[in-house]
C-alpha atoms as a PDB file:
ATOM      1  CA  MET A   1      -4.620   2.850  10.637  1.00  0.00           C
ATOM      2  CA  GLU A   2      -3.351  -0.634   9.917  1.00  0.00           C
ATOM      3  CA  LEU A   3      -2.775  -1.909   6.381  1.00  0.00           C
ATOM      4  CA  LYS A   4      -1.689  -5.310   5.113  1.00  0.00           C
ATOM      5  CA  LEU A   5       1.412  -5.583   2.949  1.00  0.00           C
ATOM      6  CA  ALA A   6       1.327  -7.851  -0.100  1.00  0.00           C
ATOM      7  CA  ARG A   7       1.948 -11.521   0.492  1.00  0.00           C
ATOM      8  CA  ASN A   8       5.275 -13.066  -0.449  1.00  0.00           C
ATOM      9  CA  GLU A   9       3.592 -16.377  -1.267  1.00  0.00           C
ATOM     10  CA  ILE A  10       0.149 -17.003  -2.742  1.00  0.00           C
ATOM     11  CA  ASN A  11      -0.978 -19.089   0.235  1.00  0.00           C
ATOM     12  CA  GLY A  12       0.872 -16.973   2.820  1.00  0.00           C
ATOM     13  CA  LYS A  13      -0.686 -14.487   5.191  1.00  0.00           C
ATOM     14  CA  PRO A  14      -0.129 -10.758   4.654  1.00  0.00           C
ATOM     15  CA  LYS A  15       1.872  -8.847   7.267  1.00  0.00           C
ATOM     16  CA  ALA A  16       0.274  -5.808   8.888  1.00  0.00           C
ATOM     17  CA  VAL A  17       1.931  -2.409   9.027  1.00  0.00           C
ATOM     18  CA  GLN A  18       0.869   0.703  10.929  1.00  0.00           C
ATOM     19  CA  LEU A  19       0.556   4.110   9.297  1.00  0.00           C
ATOM     20  CA  GLU A  20       3.206   5.446  11.687  1.00  0.00           C
ATOM     21  CA  LYS A  21       5.731   2.892  10.385  1.00  0.00           C
ATOM     22  CA  ILE A  22       5.013   3.921   6.767  1.00  0.00           C
ATOM     23  CA  GLU A  23       5.546   7.536   7.798  1.00  0.00           C
ATOM     24  CA  GLU A  24       8.922   6.669   9.386  1.00  0.00           C
ATOM     25  CA  ILE A  25      10.079   4.932   6.208  1.00  0.00           C
ATOM     26  CA  ILE A  26       9.064   7.906   4.063  1.00  0.00           C
ATOM     27  CA  ALA A  27      10.852  10.302   6.442  1.00  0.00           C
ATOM     28  CA  LYS A  28      14.093   8.309   6.024  1.00  0.00           C
ATOM     29  CA  GLU A  29      13.963   7.586   2.291  1.00  0.00           C
ATOM     30  CA  ASN A  30      11.874  10.528   0.965  1.00  0.00           C
ATOM     31  CA  GLN A  31      10.114   8.183  -1.452  1.00  0.00           C
ATOM     32  CA  LYS A  32       9.037   4.571  -1.488  1.00  0.00           C
ATOM     33  CA  ILE A  33       6.874   2.107  -3.390  1.00  0.00           C
ATOM     34  CA  PHE A  34       4.658  -0.079  -1.210  1.00  0.00           C
ATOM     35  CA  TYR A  35       2.678  -3.121  -2.303  1.00  0.00           C
ATOM     36  CA  PHE A  36      -0.486  -3.795  -0.334  1.00  0.00           C
ATOM     37  CA  ASP A  37      -2.598  -6.934  -0.226  1.00  0.00           C
ATOM     38  CA  LYS A  38      -6.006  -7.266  -1.848  1.00  0.00           C
ATOM     39  CA  GLU A  39      -7.511  -7.789   1.628  1.00  0.00           C
ATOM     40  CA  ASN A  40      -7.186  -4.039   2.256  1.00  0.00           C
ATOM     41  CA  SER A  41     -10.299  -2.056   1.504  1.00  0.00           C
ATOM     42  CA  HIS A  42     -10.070   0.442  -1.323  1.00  0.00           C
ATOM     43  CA  LYS A  43     -11.454   3.012   1.119  1.00  0.00           C
ATOM     44  CA  ASP A  44      -8.450   2.551   3.458  1.00  0.00           C
ATOM     45  CA  LEU A  45      -5.999   2.971   0.604  1.00  0.00           C
ATOM     46  CA  VAL A  46      -7.728   6.149  -0.564  1.00  0.00           C
ATOM     47  CA  ALA A  47      -7.494   7.402   3.037  1.00  0.00           C
ATOM     48  CA  LEU A  48      -3.744   6.628   2.950  1.00  0.00           C
ATOM     49  CA  VAL A  49      -3.390   8.618  -0.284  1.00  0.00           C
ATOM     50  CA  ASP A  50      -5.327  11.542   1.190  1.00  0.00           C
ATOM     51  CA  TYR A  51      -3.238  11.460   4.372  1.00  0.00           C
ATOM     52  CA  PHE A  52       0.073  11.799   2.525  1.00  0.00           C
ATOM     53  CA  GLU A  53      -1.274  14.300  -0.002  1.00  0.00           C
ATOM     54  CA  GLU A  54      -2.256  16.550   2.918  1.00  0.00           C
ATOM     55  CA  LYS A  55       1.407  16.390   3.972  1.00  0.00           C
ATOM     56  CA  ASP A  56       2.420  17.653   0.490  1.00  0.00           C
ATOM     57  CA  PHE A  57       3.574  14.311  -0.923  1.00  0.00           C
ATOM     58  CA  SER A  58       2.706  13.073  -4.393  1.00  0.00           C
ATOM     59  CA  VAL A  59       0.972   9.727  -4.110  1.00  0.00           C
ATOM     60  CA  TYR A  60       0.051   7.309  -6.884  1.00  0.00           C
ATOM     61  CA  LEU A  61      -2.298   4.366  -6.304  1.00  0.00           C
ATOM     62  CA  ARG A  62      -2.927   1.631  -8.827  1.00  0.00           C
ATOM     63  CA  GLU A  63      -4.118  -1.939  -8.999  1.00  0.00           C
ATOM     64  CA  VAL A  64      -1.534  -4.462 -10.226  1.00  0.00           C
ATOM     65  CA  LYS A  65      -2.695  -7.738 -11.786  1.00  0.00           C
ATOM     66  CA  TYR A  66      -0.281 -10.653 -11.435  1.00  0.00           C
ATOM     67  CA  GLY A  67      -2.416 -13.461 -12.851  1.00  0.00           C
ATOM     68  CA  LEU A  68      -5.393 -14.208 -15.048  1.00  0.00           C
ATOM     69  CA  GLY A  69      -7.943 -14.573 -12.239  1.00  0.00           C
ATOM     70  CA  GLU A  70     -10.106 -11.706 -11.028  1.00  0.00           C
ATOM     71  CA  GLU A  71      -8.700 -12.134  -7.517  1.00  0.00           C
ATOM     72  CA  ASP A  72      -5.060 -12.035  -8.668  1.00  0.00           C
ATOM     73  CA  TYR A  73      -4.194  -8.444  -7.866  1.00  0.00           C
ATOM     74  CA  MET A  74      -2.496  -6.207  -5.321  1.00  0.00           C
ATOM     75  CA  TYR A  75      -2.293  -2.473  -4.800  1.00  0.00           C
ATOM     76  CA  GLU A  76       0.794  -0.415  -5.580  1.00  0.00           C
ATOM     77  CA  VAL A  77       1.244   2.897  -3.758  1.00  0.00           C
ATOM     78  CA  HIS A  78       4.138   5.138  -4.772  1.00  0.00           C
ATOM     79  CA  ILE A  79       4.787   7.959  -2.312  1.00  0.00           C
ATOM     80  CA  LEU A  80       7.244  10.720  -3.206  1.00  0.00           C
END
């Protein structure tokens, strides 16, 4: 599964990350907060949550608004 990380600039393009890379980071740090771009489907993020919950991690998913517009949001996923 490939997910897009949040953009660093409003007009920038999001960088893609593979599920395996996320798993490596979690294995090293035991917990991590990731910010994902709004271009990701909610279905993919729920699948990410389910994947790590099956591996006995606690996972929290929420939508973070950073502006007044309806399209000004990103997803925050906290895995511990």
